[in-house]
Every structure is written in structure tokens, then in C-alpha cells.
Amino acid sequence: MMQMVSQRLEGQFLAPVGVHYILELYDCPFELLNDLEFVMQSLKEAVIKARATLLGEVSHQFHPQGVTALLLLSESHISIHTWPESGYAALDIFTCGDHAMPDRACTHLKEVFQSGRHAIFKLPRNKPAFTLPRFDTAEELALAVC
């Protein structure tokens, strides 16, 4: 489950809306990264693992190699870009709400693409919840509290 953490930015409290994972896969087999059908099936399995809802999909096979794909989710999206000649895949997994489990999608994708190494970055996505009033003096603050 995603941990919801409130944060502050320049006097604003931030309300969590979701989590965004950036997943870098290295040393993956060429044939997996260049197989459009395999890539799409793997992403759809990741959606199920994440307990997300698939709304649509678009993909493209590059020539001589490489795949790009985007799965639109009711929670947001999963995307991939592959460079089979380098054994590299860049994935983006963004889910809103607290019911999805994008970390499970990341684990699944690391495994199915047989990455030798990986890097993962987790970014909380927040919107301003409200702004705190600013008081220049203790008198202004005292008057506001009354």
C-alpha cells in the first residue's frame, strides 16, 4: 500500500494524489526488448499486478529495432521505451489514489525483462491542499487568532 505523506512547500501543505515511479532497466536481452507482442503482454500483466484498470493502449515498433508503448489507466499510465541494441528500457509508472500498487508492477517488469541491473525512483505527486496565511508581526497573528 502507498504511504500517504503530507509535505509543505513555501507555506503550502501538499495533498498526496499519487505516486510516480521511474524504472530504468539495464542488461536486458535484445529479443525481449524488440518484441512488441511480448512488451505489450508484459505491460498488461503489470497493470493486473498493480491492481489498476486498463482503459486503452498505443504502441509502435521501430525499425531496425525498438519499441514504444503507452497504457492508459484510469489511475494514470504506464509507458515504456526500449533500446534493444543497448539492453536498456525506460519505464514510467504513475498511479493516482491509494488502491493501486505500482511497486508490484515495477517488480514484475524487472523480472520479465530479465534485467541484470536496474534503478528505480519513487516520486510522490502532490497538489496544494491549502495555503497558510502569512503574518508579518505577532500583532497580526494575535488578531487573526481572535
N, C-alpha and C. Protein backbone atom coordinates (compact mmCIF):
# COMPACT_ATOMS: atom_id res chain seq x y z
N MET A 1 0.85 -1.18 0.00
CA MET A 1 0.00 0.00 0.00
C MET A 1 0.89 1.24 0.00
N MET A 2 0.44 2.28 -0.67
CA MET A 2 1.20 3.51 -0.75
C MET A 2 1.06 4.29 0.55
N GLN A 3 2.19 4.76 1.06
CA GLN A 3 2.16 5.58 2.27
C GLN A 3 1.87 7.03 1.86
N MET A 4 0.84 7.61 2.43
CA MET A 4 0.48 8.99 2.13
C MET A 4 1.20 9.90 3.13
N VAL A 5 1.99 10.81 2.63
CA VAL A 5 2.75 11.71 3.48
C VAL A 5 2.43 13.13 3.09
N SER A 6 2.07 13.97 4.05
CA SER A 6 1.85 15.38 3.79
C SER A 6 3.19 16.10 3.82
N GLN A 7 3.34 17.06 2.93
CA GLN A 7 4.56 17.83 2.85
C GLN A 7 4.20 19.30 2.77
N ARG A 8 5.21 20.16 2.97
CA ARG A 8 5.00 21.61 2.86
C ARG A 8 5.93 22.16 1.81
N LEU A 9 5.44 23.13 1.06
CA LEU A 9 6.23 23.82 0.07
C LEU A 9 5.87 25.28 0.10
N GLU A 10 6.82 26.12 0.52
CA GLU A 10 6.62 27.57 0.56
C GLU A 10 5.29 27.95 1.21
N GLY A 11 5.05 27.45 2.42
CA GLY A 11 3.86 27.82 3.17
C GLY A 11 2.61 27.08 2.77
N GLN A 12 2.70 26.14 1.84
CA GLN A 12 1.52 25.38 1.42
C GLN A 12 1.66 23.94 1.92
N PHE A 13 0.56 23.41 2.43
CA PHE A 13 0.52 21.99 2.72
C PHE A 13 0.17 21.29 1.42
N LEU A 14 0.81 20.16 1.16
CA LEU A 14 0.58 19.43 -0.08
C LEU A 14 -0.24 18.18 0.20
N ALA A 15 -1.22 17.94 -0.66
CA ALA A 15 -2.08 16.77 -0.51
C ALA A 15 -1.64 15.71 -1.52
N PRO A 16 -1.31 14.52 -1.06
CA PRO A 16 -0.87 13.47 -1.98
C PRO A 16 -2.00 13.06 -2.92
N VAL A 17 -1.65 12.91 -4.19
CA VAL A 17 -2.64 12.45 -5.17
C VAL A 17 -2.21 11.14 -5.81
N GLY A 18 -0.95 10.79 -5.70
CA GLY A 18 -0.48 9.55 -6.30
C GLY A 18 1.01 9.39 -6.16
N VAL A 19 1.53 8.40 -6.88
CA VAL A 19 2.96 8.13 -6.85
C VAL A 19 3.42 7.83 -8.27
N HIS A 20 4.62 8.30 -8.57
CA HIS A 20 5.19 8.19 -9.90
C HIS A 20 6.51 7.44 -9.78
N TYR A 21 6.61 6.30 -10.44
CA TYR A 21 7.84 5.52 -10.45
C TYR A 21 8.53 5.69 -11.79
N ILE A 22 9.84 5.91 -11.74
CA ILE A 22 10.69 5.91 -12.92
C ILE A 22 11.55 4.66 -12.77
N LEU A 23 11.44 3.75 -13.74
CA LEU A 23 12.15 2.47 -13.68
C LEU A 23 13.10 2.37 -14.87
N GLU A 24 14.38 2.20 -14.57
CA GLU A 24 15.41 2.06 -15.59
C GLU A 24 15.88 0.61 -15.56
N LEU A 25 15.77 -0.10 -16.68
CA LEU A 25 16.20 -1.49 -16.76
C LEU A 25 17.43 -1.59 -17.66
N TYR A 26 18.47 -2.26 -17.17
CA TYR A 26 19.72 -2.41 -17.91
C TYR A 26 20.04 -3.88 -18.11
N ASP A 27 20.83 -4.15 -19.13
CA ASP A 27 21.32 -5.51 -19.42
C ASP A 27 20.18 -6.48 -19.68
N CYS A 28 19.16 -6.03 -20.39
CA CYS A 28 18.03 -6.89 -20.77
C CYS A 28 18.33 -7.55 -22.11
N PRO A 29 17.80 -8.75 -22.35
CA PRO A 29 18.02 -9.42 -23.63
C PRO A 29 17.41 -8.63 -24.80
N PHE A 30 18.16 -8.53 -25.87
CA PHE A 30 17.74 -7.82 -27.08
C PHE A 30 16.37 -8.30 -27.55
N GLU A 31 16.21 -9.62 -27.63
CA GLU A 31 14.98 -10.18 -28.21
C GLU A 31 13.73 -9.82 -27.41
N LEU A 32 13.83 -9.66 -26.10
CA LEU A 32 12.68 -9.27 -25.30
C LEU A 32 12.32 -7.81 -25.53
N LEU A 33 13.33 -6.95 -25.58
CA LEU A 33 13.10 -5.52 -25.76
C LEU A 33 12.63 -5.16 -27.17
N ASN A 34 12.85 -6.07 -28.12
CA ASN A 34 12.48 -5.79 -29.51
C ASN A 34 11.21 -6.51 -29.94
N ASP A 35 10.56 -7.21 -29.03
CA ASP A 35 9.36 -8.00 -29.32
C ASP A 35 8.12 -7.22 -28.87
N LEU A 36 7.44 -6.57 -29.81
CA LEU A 36 6.29 -5.74 -29.48
C LEU A 36 5.21 -6.52 -28.76
N GLU A 37 4.91 -7.72 -29.21
CA GLU A 37 3.87 -8.53 -28.56
C GLU A 37 4.25 -8.85 -27.11
N PHE A 38 5.51 -9.22 -26.87
CA PHE A 38 5.98 -9.51 -25.53
C PHE A 38 5.91 -8.27 -24.64
N VAL A 39 6.34 -7.13 -25.17
CA VAL A 39 6.32 -5.88 -24.40
C VAL A 39 4.90 -5.55 -23.98
N MET A 40 3.95 -5.62 -24.92
CA MET A 40 2.56 -5.28 -24.61
C MET A 40 1.97 -6.25 -23.58
N GLN A 41 2.23 -7.53 -23.75
CA GLN A 41 1.71 -8.52 -22.79
C GLN A 41 2.30 -8.28 -21.41
N SER A 42 3.59 -7.96 -21.35
CA SER A 42 4.24 -7.70 -20.06
C SER A 42 3.66 -6.48 -19.37
N LEU A 43 3.38 -5.43 -20.14
CA LEU A 43 2.77 -4.23 -19.55
C LEU A 43 1.36 -4.51 -19.05
N LYS A 44 0.59 -5.29 -19.81
CA LYS A 44 -0.77 -5.63 -19.37
C LYS A 44 -0.74 -6.47 -18.09
N GLU A 45 0.22 -7.37 -17.98
CA GLU A 45 0.38 -8.14 -16.75
C GLU A 45 0.75 -7.22 -15.58
N ALA A 46 1.57 -6.22 -15.86
CA ALA A 46 1.96 -5.26 -14.82
C ALA A 46 0.75 -4.47 -14.32
N VAL A 47 -0.17 -4.15 -15.21
CA VAL A 47 -1.40 -3.45 -14.82
C VAL A 47 -2.18 -4.31 -13.83
N ILE A 48 -2.29 -5.59 -14.12
CA ILE A 48 -3.01 -6.52 -13.23
C ILE A 48 -2.30 -6.60 -11.87
N LYS A 49 -0.97 -6.74 -11.92
CA LYS A 49 -0.20 -6.82 -10.66
C LYS A 49 -0.39 -5.56 -9.82
N ALA A 50 -0.52 -4.41 -10.49
CA ALA A 50 -0.67 -3.13 -9.79
C ALA A 50 -2.11 -2.90 -9.32
N ARG A 51 -3.02 -3.80 -9.67
CA ARG A 51 -4.44 -3.63 -9.34
C ARG A 51 -5.01 -2.34 -9.94
N ALA A 52 -4.56 -2.06 -11.16
CA ALA A 52 -5.02 -0.88 -11.87
C ALA A 52 -6.03 -1.28 -12.94
N THR A 53 -6.61 -0.27 -13.61
CA THR A 53 -7.65 -0.51 -14.61
C THR A 53 -7.19 0.02 -15.97
N LEU A 54 -7.07 -0.89 -16.93
CA LEU A 54 -6.64 -0.54 -18.28
C LEU A 54 -7.79 0.11 -19.05
N LEU A 55 -7.52 1.29 -19.62
CA LEU A 55 -8.52 1.99 -20.43
C LEU A 55 -8.20 1.94 -21.92
N GLY A 56 -6.93 1.93 -22.27
CA GLY A 56 -6.54 1.94 -23.68
C GLY A 56 -5.06 1.72 -23.83
N GLU A 57 -4.63 1.55 -25.08
CA GLU A 57 -3.22 1.29 -25.34
C GLU A 57 -2.84 1.79 -26.73
N VAL A 58 -1.57 2.14 -26.87
CA VAL A 58 -1.00 2.51 -28.16
C VAL A 58 0.46 2.06 -28.14
N SER A 59 0.95 1.59 -29.29
CA SER A 59 2.32 1.10 -29.35
C SER A 59 2.88 1.28 -30.76
N HIS A 60 4.20 1.18 -30.84
CA HIS A 60 4.87 1.30 -32.13
C HIS A 60 6.15 0.49 -32.12
N GLN A 61 6.39 -0.25 -33.20
CA GLN A 61 7.64 -0.99 -33.39
C GLN A 61 8.53 -0.16 -34.31
N PHE A 62 9.72 0.20 -33.83
CA PHE A 62 10.66 0.94 -34.65
C PHE A 62 11.50 -0.03 -35.47
N HIS A 63 12.04 0.47 -36.57
CA HIS A 63 12.91 -0.33 -37.43
C HIS A 63 14.22 0.41 -37.60
N PRO A 64 15.35 -0.20 -37.34
CA PRO A 64 15.52 -1.65 -37.28
C PRO A 64 15.19 -2.28 -35.93
N GLN A 65 15.12 -1.49 -34.84
CA GLN A 65 14.78 -2.09 -33.55
C GLN A 65 14.21 -1.04 -32.61
N GLY A 66 13.54 -1.52 -31.58
CA GLY A 66 13.00 -0.65 -30.54
C GLY A 66 11.49 -0.64 -30.51
N VAL A 67 10.96 -0.41 -29.33
CA VAL A 67 9.51 -0.40 -29.10
C VAL A 67 9.18 0.79 -28.21
N THR A 68 8.04 1.40 -28.46
CA THR A 68 7.49 2.38 -27.53
C THR A 68 6.03 2.02 -27.32
N ALA A 69 5.54 2.16 -26.10
CA ALA A 69 4.16 1.81 -25.80
C ALA A 69 3.65 2.62 -24.62
N LEU A 70 2.35 2.86 -24.63
CA LEU A 70 1.69 3.58 -23.56
C LEU A 70 0.38 2.87 -23.24
N LEU A 71 0.18 2.56 -21.97
CA LEU A 71 -1.09 2.03 -21.50
C LEU A 71 -1.75 3.10 -20.65
N LEU A 72 -2.92 3.50 -21.08
CA LEU A 72 -3.71 4.50 -20.35
C LEU A 72 -4.50 3.77 -19.27
N LEU A 73 -4.38 4.24 -18.04
CA LEU A 73 -5.07 3.63 -16.91
C LEU A 73 -6.08 4.62 -16.34
N SER A 74 -7.10 4.11 -15.70
CA SER A 74 -8.00 5.03 -15.01
C SER A 74 -7.23 5.73 -13.89
N GLU A 75 -6.16 5.12 -13.40
CA GLU A 75 -5.32 5.70 -12.35
C GLU A 75 -4.23 6.62 -12.92
N SER A 76 -3.89 6.50 -14.18
CA SER A 76 -2.96 7.37 -14.92
C SER A 76 -2.35 6.61 -16.09
N HIS A 77 -1.07 6.12 -15.98
CA HIS A 77 -0.46 5.49 -17.15
C HIS A 77 0.76 4.64 -16.79
N ILE A 78 1.12 3.78 -17.76
CA ILE A 78 2.40 3.06 -17.77
C ILE A 78 2.94 3.23 -19.18
N SER A 79 4.22 3.62 -19.28
CA SER A 79 4.83 3.74 -20.60
C SER A 79 6.21 3.09 -20.60
N ILE A 80 6.65 2.72 -21.82
CA ILE A 80 7.97 2.12 -21.99
C ILE A 80 8.57 2.59 -23.31
N HIS A 81 9.87 2.74 -23.29
CA HIS A 81 10.66 2.98 -24.49
C HIS A 81 11.85 2.04 -24.40
N THR A 82 12.12 1.29 -25.47
CA THR A 82 13.22 0.32 -25.41
C THR A 82 14.31 0.65 -26.43
N TRP A 83 15.54 0.33 -26.04
CA TRP A 83 16.70 0.41 -26.89
C TRP A 83 17.36 -0.98 -26.84
N PRO A 84 16.85 -1.92 -27.64
CA PRO A 84 17.37 -3.29 -27.58
C PRO A 84 18.87 -3.39 -27.83
N GLU A 85 19.39 -2.55 -28.71
CA GLU A 85 20.82 -2.59 -29.03
C GLU A 85 21.69 -2.24 -27.83
N SER A 86 21.09 -1.57 -26.84
CA SER A 86 21.82 -1.22 -25.61
C SER A 86 21.36 -2.04 -24.41
N GLY A 87 20.36 -2.91 -24.60
CA GLY A 87 19.83 -3.70 -23.48
C GLY A 87 19.10 -2.85 -22.47
N TYR A 88 18.56 -1.70 -22.90
CA TYR A 88 18.01 -0.70 -21.98
C TYR A 88 16.52 -0.45 -22.24
N ALA A 89 15.77 -0.30 -21.16
CA ALA A 89 14.35 0.09 -21.24
C ALA A 89 14.08 1.16 -20.19
N ALA A 90 13.33 2.18 -20.60
CA ALA A 90 12.92 3.26 -19.70
C ALA A 90 11.42 3.15 -19.50
N LEU A 91 11.00 3.01 -18.25
CA LEU A 91 9.59 2.86 -17.93
C LEU A 91 9.13 3.96 -16.98
N ASP A 92 7.86 4.28 -17.11
CA ASP A 92 7.23 5.34 -16.34
C ASP A 92 5.90 4.78 -15.84
N ILE A 93 5.72 4.72 -14.53
CA ILE A 93 4.51 4.15 -13.94
C ILE A 93 3.95 5.16 -12.96
N PHE A 94 2.79 5.70 -13.30
CA PHE A 94 2.18 6.74 -12.48
C PHE A 94 0.76 6.30 -12.14
N THR A 95 0.46 6.23 -10.84
CA THR A 95 -0.89 5.88 -10.41
C THR A 95 -1.38 6.89 -9.39
N CYS A 96 -2.64 7.23 -9.49
CA CYS A 96 -3.29 8.13 -8.55
C CYS A 96 -4.15 7.31 -7.59
N GLY A 97 -4.46 7.90 -6.45
CA GLY A 97 -5.28 7.21 -5.46
C GLY A 97 -4.42 6.30 -4.60
N ASP A 98 -5.07 5.59 -3.70
CA ASP A 98 -4.31 4.74 -2.78
C ASP A 98 -4.62 3.26 -2.92
N HIS A 99 -5.38 2.85 -3.95
CA HIS A 99 -5.68 1.42 -4.09
C HIS A 99 -4.69 0.71 -5.00
N ALA A 100 -4.06 1.42 -5.94
CA ALA A 100 -3.13 0.79 -6.87
C ALA A 100 -1.81 0.48 -6.17
N MET A 101 -1.09 -0.49 -6.69
CA MET A 101 0.19 -0.92 -6.13
C MET A 101 1.26 -0.89 -7.21
N PRO A 102 1.71 0.28 -7.62
CA PRO A 102 2.67 0.38 -8.71
C PRO A 102 4.01 -0.29 -8.41
N ASP A 103 4.37 -0.43 -7.16
CA ASP A 103 5.61 -1.12 -6.81
C ASP A 103 5.58 -2.58 -7.28
N ARG A 104 4.40 -3.19 -7.27
CA ARG A 104 4.27 -4.57 -7.75
C ARG A 104 4.46 -4.64 -9.27
N ALA A 105 3.99 -3.61 -9.96
CA ALA A 105 4.21 -3.55 -11.41
C ALA A 105 5.70 -3.45 -11.70
N CYS A 106 6.41 -2.65 -10.93
CA CYS A 106 7.86 -2.49 -11.12
C CYS A 106 8.58 -3.82 -10.91
N THR A 107 8.24 -4.52 -9.85
CA THR A 107 8.87 -5.82 -9.57
C THR A 107 8.62 -6.78 -10.72
N HIS A 108 7.39 -6.84 -11.20
CA HIS A 108 7.05 -7.72 -12.32
C HIS A 108 7.87 -7.39 -13.56
N LEU A 109 7.96 -6.10 -13.89
CA LEU A 109 8.66 -5.69 -15.11
C LEU A 109 10.16 -5.96 -15.02
N LYS A 110 10.76 -5.78 -13.85
CA LYS A 110 12.18 -6.11 -13.67
C LYS A 110 12.42 -7.59 -13.97
N GLU A 111 11.49 -8.42 -13.51
CA GLU A 111 11.64 -9.86 -13.68
C GLU A 111 11.41 -10.30 -15.13
N VAL A 112 10.32 -9.87 -15.74
CA VAL A 112 10.01 -10.38 -17.09
C VAL A 112 10.99 -9.88 -18.14
N PHE A 113 11.56 -8.70 -17.95
CA PHE A 113 12.55 -8.21 -18.91
C PHE A 113 13.96 -8.69 -18.58
N GLN A 114 14.08 -9.51 -17.53
CA GLN A 114 15.33 -10.15 -17.14
C GLN A 114 16.48 -9.15 -17.03
N SER A 115 16.20 -8.03 -16.37
CA SER A 115 17.24 -7.00 -16.26
C SER A 115 18.37 -7.47 -15.36
N GLY A 116 19.59 -7.22 -15.80
CA GLY A 116 20.76 -7.54 -14.99
C GLY A 116 20.97 -6.51 -13.90
N ARG A 117 20.57 -5.27 -14.19
CA ARG A 117 20.67 -4.18 -13.23
C ARG A 117 19.45 -3.29 -13.44
N HIS A 118 19.12 -2.52 -12.41
CA HIS A 118 18.01 -1.59 -12.54
C HIS A 118 18.19 -0.41 -11.57
N ALA A 119 17.48 0.65 -11.87
CA ALA A 119 17.39 1.79 -10.97
C ALA A 119 15.93 2.18 -10.90
N ILE A 120 15.48 2.53 -9.71
CA ILE A 120 14.07 2.90 -9.53
C ILE A 120 14.00 4.17 -8.68
N PHE A 121 13.14 5.08 -9.11
CA PHE A 121 12.94 6.34 -8.41
C PHE A 121 11.46 6.49 -8.11
N LYS A 122 11.13 6.81 -6.89
CA LYS A 122 9.74 6.96 -6.46
C LYS A 122 9.50 8.42 -6.13
N LEU A 123 8.56 9.03 -6.83
CA LEU A 123 8.25 10.43 -6.64
C LEU A 123 6.81 10.59 -6.17
N PRO A 124 6.59 11.13 -4.96
CA PRO A 124 5.21 11.41 -4.55
C PRO A 124 4.68 12.57 -5.39
N ARG A 125 3.45 12.46 -5.84
CA ARG A 125 2.82 13.54 -6.60
C ARG A 125 1.83 14.22 -5.68
N ASN A 126 1.95 15.54 -5.55
CA ASN A 126 1.15 16.29 -4.59
C ASN A 126 0.55 17.53 -5.24
N LYS A 127 -0.60 17.91 -4.75
CA LYS A 127 -1.21 19.17 -5.16
C LYS A 127 -1.34 20.04 -3.91
N PRO A 128 -1.35 21.35 -4.08
CA PRO A 128 -1.54 22.20 -2.90
C PRO A 128 -2.90 21.94 -2.26
N ALA A 129 -2.90 21.69 -0.97
CA ALA A 129 -4.17 21.45 -0.26
C ALA A 129 -4.76 22.77 0.22
N PHE A 130 -3.93 23.62 0.77
CA PHE A 130 -4.35 24.95 1.19
C PHE A 130 -3.10 25.77 1.47
N THR A 131 -3.25 27.06 1.48
CA THR A 131 -2.14 27.96 1.73
C THR A 131 -2.27 28.54 3.14
N LEU A 132 -1.18 28.55 3.85
CA LEU A 132 -1.17 29.15 5.18
C LEU A 132 -1.12 30.67 5.04
N PRO A 133 -1.86 31.39 5.84
CA PRO A 133 -1.76 32.85 5.80
C PRO A 133 -0.40 33.30 6.32
N ARG A 134 0.07 34.41 5.81
CA ARG A 134 1.36 34.96 6.25
C ARG A 134 1.10 36.17 7.13
N PHE A 135 1.80 36.22 8.25
CA PHE A 135 1.68 37.33 9.19
C PHE A 135 3.06 37.95 9.36
N ASP A 136 3.11 39.26 9.20
CA ASP A 136 4.39 39.96 9.32
C ASP A 136 4.77 40.23 10.77
N THR A 137 3.76 40.35 11.63
CA THR A 137 4.05 40.67 13.04
C THR A 137 3.25 39.76 13.96
N ALA A 138 3.69 39.72 15.20
CA ALA A 138 2.96 38.95 16.20
C ALA A 138 1.58 39.55 16.44
N GLU A 139 1.44 40.87 16.28
CA GLU A 139 0.13 41.52 16.45
C GLU A 139 -0.86 41.04 15.41
N GLU A 140 -0.40 40.92 14.15
CA GLU A 140 -1.30 40.44 13.08
C GLU A 140 -1.75 39.02 13.37
N LEU A 141 -0.82 38.20 13.84
CA LEU A 141 -1.16 36.82 14.18
C LEU A 141 -2.15 36.79 15.32
N ALA A 142 -1.95 37.59 16.35
CA ALA A 142 -2.86 37.63 17.50
C ALA A 142 -4.26 38.08 17.08
N LEU A 143 -4.34 39.04 16.20
CA LEU A 143 -5.64 39.49 15.71
C LEU A 143 -6.36 38.41 14.90
N ALA A 144 -5.60 37.65 14.14
CA ALA A 144 -6.21 36.60 13.31
C ALA A 144 -6.73 35.45 14.16
N VAL A 145 -6.08 35.17 15.27
CA VAL A 145 -6.46 34.07 16.14
C VAL A 145 -7.75 34.40 16.91
N CYS A 146 -7.97 35.67 17.19
CA CYS A 146 -9.13 36.09 18.00
C CYS A 146 -10.43 35.81 17.31
